[in-house]
Structure formats: C-alpha cells, structure tokens
Amino acid sequence: MTDVQAQKASQLANIEEATGRSVADFATEVESAGLERHGQIVAHLKASHGLTHGNANALAHAVRERLAGGPPPADDLLGAQYAGAKKVLRPIHDAVVAQARALGDDVEVVVQKTGVSLRRAKQFALVQAPSVKRVRLSLNLDATPPGTRVVEAGGMCTHRADLTSIDDVDDEVAGWLAAAYERAG
C-alpha cells in the first residue's frame, strides 16, 4: 500500500470510528438520496453528519468509487490524461518518469486523475499535461536552479518547468529530479 493509499485508509477508518458508519453505509445513503455529483455528496455529508470539509471530501471520493465499482485503473487514468491532441506529449511524460525511476528502487509512481505524482518518502515531483502544448514538471527543490527554465511555484511543489518536446528532457531535468529525490529522502 502506498503512503497516499495508507493516508486515505487511515482517514476513512477514523471517519467510520467517529460516525459508527462504514463507507458502504454512506454509499447506500447517497445512492438512496439520488446524489451523484461530488459537490452534492460533500454538502450532504457535511450537513447531515457534521463532517469537516476534508473528511466529507475524502468520504465522497470513497463513496463514488464504491458506487462505480472501484477506482479506475492507473492505465485508464494515464490514457485519459494524454488522449486526443495531448497524445503527442506522452513521450515527454514517459521520458520524465523513466528518469525518475532510474533514481532508485524506492521511487513510487502514483497515477492520479490529473497528473502523476513521483514519490519517495514524500512527493518530490509531479508530471501533468495542463495543455496540448506542454508537460509541466513540478518539483520540490531547496532553491531555484540557475537559468530560466525553472521558476518558483506556489502550492504543493516549490518549482516548475514546462517541457514542450522530448529534447527538453535532458541532463538538466535529470539533475532537477535527482535534487528533488534527494530532498524527499
């Protein structure tokens, strides 16, 4: 089980303990109420059960997965990210992930709906395709590397670089990934 999966499982176990109800119980309630949209489910869980937004959000995801028969396979999620006009960006993604995997046996590749998290003890990079023109590599670094390719970013990662061709996945990218990987150890 990955760190992310373990965190989700722990959060859901805490919700079940606090409410005395299982995810299956909540799924039955949501289905009976005819709620389908994520926002509707979150609002219902907050109003009806007094859950915090974070717990209601996590539970809504679990309920929707249960009602859909489980989470979608990672290959389906990755395929959806690089479908249509973004198909030409997939080799860039694959090259970045290959460089990250080469850093050590402890690199975990977690495919999510909108991106791919590269993790060690914690996330060190995120690969996304925000448009049909670029792959965004977000990194957790101590400092901004020299040059203009990497810029500071807010949010879960400290820095980001946009990659527009396979040629952009070069020794510099390998160095950035290595620095982020070391920092996450």
C-alpha atoms as a PDB file:
ATOM      1  CA  MET A   1       0.000   0.000   0.000  1.00  0.00           C
ATOM      2  CA  THR A   2       1.397   3.405  -0.943  1.00  0.00           C
ATOM      3  CA  ASP A   3       1.723   6.275   1.520  1.00  0.00           C
ATOM      4  CA  VAL A   4      -1.191   8.047  -0.173  1.00  0.00           C
ATOM      5  CA  GLN A   5      -3.359   4.936  -0.005  1.00  0.00           C
ATOM      6  CA  ALA A   6      -2.423   4.412   3.645  1.00  0.00           C
ATOM      7  CA  GLN A   7      -3.341   8.011   4.478  1.00  0.00           C
ATOM      8  CA  LYS A   8      -6.719   7.641   2.752  1.00  0.00           C
ATOM      9  CA  ALA A   9      -7.397   4.346   4.507  1.00  0.00           C
ATOM     10  CA  SER A  10      -6.498   5.869   7.870  1.00  0.00           C
ATOM     11  CA  GLN A  11      -8.729   8.894   7.279  1.00  0.00           C
ATOM     12  CA  LEU A  12     -11.669   6.682   6.263  1.00  0.00           C
ATOM     13  CA  ALA A  13     -11.128   4.421   9.290  1.00  0.00           C
ATOM     14  CA  ASN A  14     -11.202   7.487  11.548  1.00  0.00           C
ATOM     15  CA  ILE A  15     -14.451   8.670   9.911  1.00  0.00           C
ATOM     16  CA  GLU A  16     -16.011   5.233  10.361  1.00  0.00           C
ATOM     17  CA  GLU A  17     -14.943   5.141  14.016  1.00  0.00           C
ATOM     18  CA  ALA A  18     -16.274   8.647  14.697  1.00  0.00           C
ATOM     19  CA  THR A  19     -19.629   8.109  12.958  1.00  0.00           C
ATOM     20  CA  GLY A  20     -20.183   4.401  13.562  1.00  0.00           C
ATOM     21  CA  ARG A  21     -20.948   4.028   9.847  1.00  0.00           C
ATOM     22  CA  SER A  22     -18.968   2.323   7.096  1.00  0.00           C
ATOM     23  CA  VAL A  23     -18.246   3.613   3.612  1.00  0.00           C
ATOM     24  CA  ALA A  24     -20.796   1.039   2.410  1.00  0.00           C
ATOM     25  CA  ASP A  25     -23.414   2.569   4.737  1.00  0.00           C
ATOM     26  CA  PHE A  26     -22.687   6.048   3.405  1.00  0.00           C
ATOM     27  CA  ALA A  27     -22.780   4.748  -0.186  1.00  0.00           C
ATOM     28  CA  THR A  28     -26.229   3.268   0.400  1.00  0.00           C
ATOM     29  CA  GLU A  29     -27.427   6.569   1.885  1.00  0.00           C
ATOM     30  CA  VAL A  30     -26.027   8.624  -1.002  1.00  0.00           C
ATOM     31  CA  GLU A  31     -27.497   6.277  -3.590  1.00  0.00           C
ATOM     32  CA  SER A  32     -30.913   6.313  -1.859  1.00  0.00           C
ATOM     33  CA  ALA A  33     -30.852  10.117  -1.794  1.00  0.00           C
ATOM     34  CA  GLY A  34     -30.151  10.153  -5.541  1.00  0.00           C
ATOM     35  CA  LEU A  35     -26.967  12.181  -5.131  1.00  0.00           C
ATOM     36  CA  GLU A  36     -24.497  11.780  -7.994  1.00  0.00           C
ATOM     37  CA  ARG A  37     -22.335  14.891  -8.197  1.00  0.00           C
ATOM     38  CA  HIS A  38     -19.316  15.157  -5.936  1.00  0.00           C
ATOM     39  CA  GLY A  39     -20.277  18.600  -4.609  1.00  0.00           C
ATOM     40  CA  GLN A  40     -23.779  17.408  -3.746  1.00  0.00           C
ATOM     41  CA  ILE A  41     -22.377  14.457  -1.817  1.00  0.00           C
ATOM     42  CA  VAL A  42     -19.899  16.632   0.092  1.00  0.00           C
ATOM     43  CA  ALA A  43     -22.617  19.135   1.026  1.00  0.00           C
ATOM     44  CA  HIS A  44     -24.921  16.333   2.160  1.00  0.00           C
ATOM     45  CA  LEU A  45     -22.242  14.687   4.314  1.00  0.00           C
ATOM     46  CA  LYS A  46     -21.340  17.990   5.951  1.00  0.00           C
ATOM     47  CA  ALA A  47     -24.957  18.963   6.620  1.00  0.00           C
ATOM     48  CA  SER A  48     -26.279  15.548   7.646  1.00  0.00           C
ATOM     49  CA  HIS A  49     -23.316  14.207   9.586  1.00  0.00           C
ATOM     50  CA  GLY A  50     -21.393  17.291  10.717  1.00  0.00           C
ATOM     51  CA  LEU A  51     -18.232  16.232   8.907  1.00  0.00           C
ATOM     52  CA  THR A  52     -15.463  18.702   8.187  1.00  0.00           C
ATOM     53  CA  HIS A  53     -14.965  19.611   4.540  1.00  0.00           C
ATOM     54  CA  GLY A  54     -11.797  17.488   4.322  1.00  0.00           C
ATOM     55  CA  ASN A  55     -13.481  14.401   5.759  1.00  0.00           C
ATOM     56  CA  ALA A  56     -16.625  14.902   3.677  1.00  0.00           C
ATOM     57  CA  ASN A  57     -14.489  15.291   0.553  1.00  0.00           C
ATOM     58  CA  ALA A  58     -12.471  12.126   1.262  1.00  0.00           C
ATOM     59  CA  LEU A  59     -15.621  10.181   2.059  1.00  0.00           C
ATOM     60  CA  ALA A  60     -17.375  11.469  -1.081  1.00  0.00           C
ATOM     61  CA  HIS A  61     -14.481  10.179  -3.201  1.00  0.00           C
ATOM     62  CA  ALA A  62     -14.643   6.789  -1.462  1.00  0.00           C
ATOM     63  CA  VAL A  63     -18.425   6.604  -1.854  1.00  0.00           C
ATOM     64  CA  ARG A  64     -18.273   7.497  -5.555  1.00  0.00           C
ATOM     65  CA  GLU A  65     -15.534   4.899  -6.138  1.00  0.00           C
ATOM     66  CA  ARG A  66     -17.605   2.266  -4.330  1.00  0.00           C
ATOM     67  CA  LEU A  67     -20.734   3.100  -6.341  1.00  0.00           C
ATOM     68  CA  ALA A  68     -18.712   2.964  -9.575  1.00  0.00           C
ATOM     69  CA  GLY A  69     -17.275  -0.440  -8.689  1.00  0.00           C
ATOM     70  CA  GLY A  70     -13.846   0.776  -7.556  1.00  0.00           C
ATOM     71  CA  PRO A  71     -11.204   3.245  -8.664  1.00  0.00           C
ATOM     72  CA  PRO A  72     -10.300   3.368 -12.339  1.00  0.00           C
ATOM     73  CA  PRO A  73      -7.114   1.503 -13.287  1.00  0.00           C
ATOM     74  CA  ALA A  74      -3.938   3.631 -13.463  1.00  0.00           C
ATOM     75  CA  ASP A  75      -3.574   2.867 -17.184  1.00  0.00           C
ATOM     76  CA  ASP A  76      -7.030   4.311 -17.840  1.00  0.00           C
ATOM     77  CA  LEU A  77      -6.242   7.462 -15.857  1.00  0.00           C
ATOM     78  CA  LEU A  78      -2.929   7.972 -17.657  1.00  0.00           C
ATOM     79  CA  GLY A  79      -4.525   7.266 -21.028  1.00  0.00           C
ATOM     80  CA  ALA A  80      -7.165   9.906 -20.349  1.00  0.00           C
ATOM     81  CA  GLN A  81      -4.500  12.479 -19.441  1.00  0.00           C
ATOM     82  CA  TYR A  82      -2.772  12.010 -22.789  1.00  0.00           C
ATOM     83  CA  ALA A  83      -5.791  11.457 -25.021  1.00  0.00           C
ATOM     84  CA  GLY A  84      -6.689  13.377 -28.153  1.00  0.00           C
ATOM     85  CA  ALA A  85      -4.415  16.289 -29.016  1.00  0.00           C
ATOM     86  CA  LYS A  86      -2.307  15.632 -25.885  1.00  0.00           C
ATOM     87  CA  LYS A  87      -1.226  12.253 -27.279  1.00  0.00           C
ATOM     88  CA  VAL A  88       1.930  13.852 -28.717  1.00  0.00           C
ATOM     89  CA  LEU A  89       3.002  14.793 -25.161  1.00  0.00           C
ATOM     90  CA  ARG A  90       3.026  11.206 -23.835  1.00  0.00           C
ATOM     91  CA  PRO A  91       6.683  10.542 -24.850  1.00  0.00           C
ATOM     92  CA  ILE A  92       7.736  13.561 -22.770  1.00  0.00           C
ATOM     93  CA  HIS A  93       5.848  12.181 -19.774  1.00  0.00           C
ATOM     94  CA  ASP A  94       7.325   8.723 -20.281  1.00  0.00           C
ATOM     95  CA  ALA A  95      10.884  10.100 -20.504  1.00  0.00           C
ATOM     96  CA  VAL A  96      10.498  12.107 -17.274  1.00  0.00           C
ATOM     97  CA  VAL A  97       9.084   9.094 -15.430  1.00  0.00           C
ATOM     98  CA  ALA A  98      11.912   6.895 -16.760  1.00  0.00           C
ATOM     99  CA  GLN A  99      14.487   9.383 -15.437  1.00  0.00           C
ATOM    100  CA  ALA A 100      12.747   9.421 -12.061  1.00  0.00           C
ATOM    101  CA  ARG A 101      12.572   5.621 -11.843  1.00  0.00           C
ATOM    102  CA  ALA A 102      16.314   5.432 -12.552  1.00  0.00           C
ATOM    103  CA  LEU A 103      16.987   7.371  -9.334  1.00  0.00           C
ATOM    104  CA  GLY A 104      16.263   4.401  -7.076  1.00  0.00           C
ATOM    105  CA  ASP A 105      14.124   1.388  -6.307  1.00  0.00           C
ATOM    106  CA  ASP A 106      12.139   3.441  -3.808  1.00  0.00           C
ATOM    107  CA  VAL A 107      10.601   5.737  -6.453  1.00  0.00           C
ATOM    108  CA  GLU A 108       6.850   5.342  -6.421  1.00  0.00           C
ATOM    109  CA  VAL A 109       4.822   6.435  -9.450  1.00  0.00           C
ATOM    110  CA  VAL A 110       1.255   7.304  -8.408  1.00  0.00           C
ATOM    111  CA  VAL A 111      -1.107   7.953 -11.310  1.00  0.00           C
ATOM    112  CA  GLN A 112      -3.930  10.279 -10.351  1.00  0.00           C
ATOM    113  CA  LYS A 113      -6.760  11.790 -12.354  1.00  0.00           C
ATOM    114  CA  THR A 114      -4.908  14.948 -13.446  1.00  0.00           C
ATOM    115  CA  GLY A 115      -1.254  14.084 -13.017  1.00  0.00           C
ATOM    116  CA  VAL A 116       1.407  11.619 -11.974  1.00  0.00           C
ATOM    117  CA  SER A 117       3.000  12.015  -8.559  1.00  0.00           C
ATOM    118  CA  LEU A 118       6.603  10.885  -8.158  1.00  0.00           C
ATOM    119  CA  ARG A 119       7.223   9.923  -4.553  1.00  0.00           C
ATOM    120  CA  ARG A 120       9.886   8.632  -2.260  1.00  0.00           C
ATOM    121  CA  ALA A 121       9.261   9.133   1.460  1.00  0.00           C
ATOM    122  CA  LYS A 122       7.137  12.046   0.200  1.00  0.00           C
ATOM    123  CA  GLN A 123       6.299  13.607  -3.158  1.00  0.00           C
ATOM    124  CA  PHE A 124       9.317  15.031  -4.944  1.00  0.00           C
ATOM    125  CA  ALA A 125       7.814  15.774  -8.357  1.00  0.00           C
ATOM    126  CA  LEU A 126       4.539  15.958 -10.256  1.00  0.00           C
ATOM    127  CA  VAL A 127       4.086  15.464 -14.008  1.00  0.00           C
ATOM    128  CA  GLN A 128       0.988  16.988 -15.654  1.00  0.00           C
ATOM    129  CA  ALA A 129      -0.222  17.956 -19.113  1.00  0.00           C
ATOM    130  CA  PRO A 130      -2.108  21.218 -18.481  1.00  0.00           C
ATOM    131  CA  SER A 131      -2.443  21.990 -22.190  1.00  0.00           C
ATOM    132  CA  VAL A 132      -1.859  20.412 -25.589  1.00  0.00           C
ATOM    133  CA  LYS A 133       1.425  22.325 -25.891  1.00  0.00           C
ATOM    134  CA  ARG A 134       3.369  21.326 -22.780  1.00  0.00           C
ATOM    135  CA  VAL A 135       4.066  18.908 -19.979  1.00  0.00           C
ATOM    136  CA  ARG A 136       4.554  20.645 -16.655  1.00  0.00           C
ATOM    137  CA  LEU A 137       7.153  19.181 -14.336  1.00  0.00           C
ATOM    138  CA  SER A 138       6.661  20.438 -10.796  1.00  0.00           C
ATOM    139  CA  LEU A 139       9.436  19.820  -8.296  1.00  0.00           C
ATOM    140  CA  ASN A 140      10.173  20.207  -4.605  1.00  0.00           C
ATOM    141  CA  LEU A 141      13.605  21.838  -4.515  1.00  0.00           C
ATOM    142  CA  ASP A 142      15.642  23.723  -1.917  1.00  0.00           C
ATOM    143  CA  ALA A 143      16.491  26.534  -4.348  1.00  0.00           C
ATOM    144  CA  THR A 144      15.811  27.662  -7.896  1.00  0.00           C
ATOM    145  CA  PRO A 145      18.367  26.151 -10.286  1.00  0.00           C
ATOM    146  CA  PRO A 146      20.364  28.570 -12.450  1.00  0.00           C
ATOM    147  CA  GLY A 147      18.905  29.546 -15.816  1.00  0.00           C
ATOM    148  CA  THR A 148      15.385  30.426 -16.884  1.00  0.00           C
ATOM    149  CA  ARG A 149      13.780  27.010 -17.367  1.00  0.00           C
ATOM    150  CA  VAL A 150      12.708  26.535 -13.740  1.00  0.00           C
ATOM    151  CA  VAL A 151      10.566  29.075 -11.937  1.00  0.00           C
ATOM    152  CA  GLU A 152       9.274  29.270  -8.400  1.00  0.00           C
ATOM    153  CA  ALA A 153       5.753  27.984  -7.886  1.00  0.00           C
ATOM    154  CA  GLY A 154       3.167  28.001  -5.159  1.00  0.00           C
ATOM    155  CA  GLY A 155       1.180  25.055  -3.956  1.00  0.00           C
ATOM    156  CA  MET A 156       2.346  21.524  -3.276  1.00  0.00           C
ATOM    157  CA  CYS A 157       5.601  21.932  -5.237  1.00  0.00           C
ATOM    158  CA  THR A 158       8.153  24.704  -4.886  1.00  0.00           C
ATOM    159  CA  HIS A 159       9.244  24.967  -8.546  1.00  0.00           C
ATOM    160  CA  ARG A 160       8.070  24.125 -12.062  1.00  0.00           C
ATOM    161  CA  ALA A 161       9.348  23.816 -15.603  1.00  0.00           C
ATOM    162  CA  ASP A 162       7.407  23.432 -18.832  1.00  0.00           C
ATOM    163  CA  LEU A 163       8.629  20.800 -21.280  1.00  0.00           C
ATOM    164  CA  THR A 164       7.451  21.129 -24.873  1.00  0.00           C
ATOM    165  CA  SER A 165       9.475  18.456 -26.658  1.00  0.00           C
ATOM    166  CA  ILE A 166      11.299  15.232 -25.898  1.00  0.00           C
ATOM    167  CA  ASP A 167      14.561  17.172 -26.342  1.00  0.00           C
ATOM    168  CA  ASP A 168      13.636  19.192 -23.238  1.00  0.00           C
ATOM    169  CA  VAL A 169      14.001  16.032 -21.111  1.00  0.00           C
ATOM    170  CA  ASP A 170      17.755  16.414 -20.841  1.00  0.00           C
ATOM    171  CA  ASP A 171      20.574  16.284 -18.301  1.00  0.00           C
ATOM    172  CA  GLU A 172      19.241  19.409 -16.572  1.00  0.00           C
ATOM    173  CA  VAL A 173      15.893  17.713 -15.974  1.00  0.00           C
ATOM    174  CA  ALA A 174      17.733  14.655 -14.655  1.00  0.00           C
ATOM    175  CA  GLY A 175      19.639  16.907 -12.248  1.00  0.00           C
ATOM    176  CA  TRP A 176      16.486  18.642 -11.015  1.00  0.00           C
ATOM    177  CA  LEU A 177      14.781  15.298 -10.455  1.00  0.00           C
ATOM    178  CA  ALA A 178      17.835  13.967  -8.592  1.00  0.00           C
ATOM    179  CA  ALA A 179      17.926  17.028  -6.326  1.00  0.00           C
ATOM    180  CA  ALA A 180      14.196  16.748  -5.575  1.00  0.00           C
ATOM    181  CA  TYR A 181      14.548  12.996  -4.990  1.00  0.00           C
ATOM    182  CA  GLU A 182      17.399  13.515  -2.500  1.00  0.00           C
ATOM    183  CA  ARG A 183      15.402  16.182  -0.678  1.00  0.00           C
ATOM    184  CA  ALA A 184      12.458  13.760  -0.297  1.00  0.00           C
ATOM    185  CA  GLY A 185      14.586  11.033   1.320  1.00  0.00           C
END
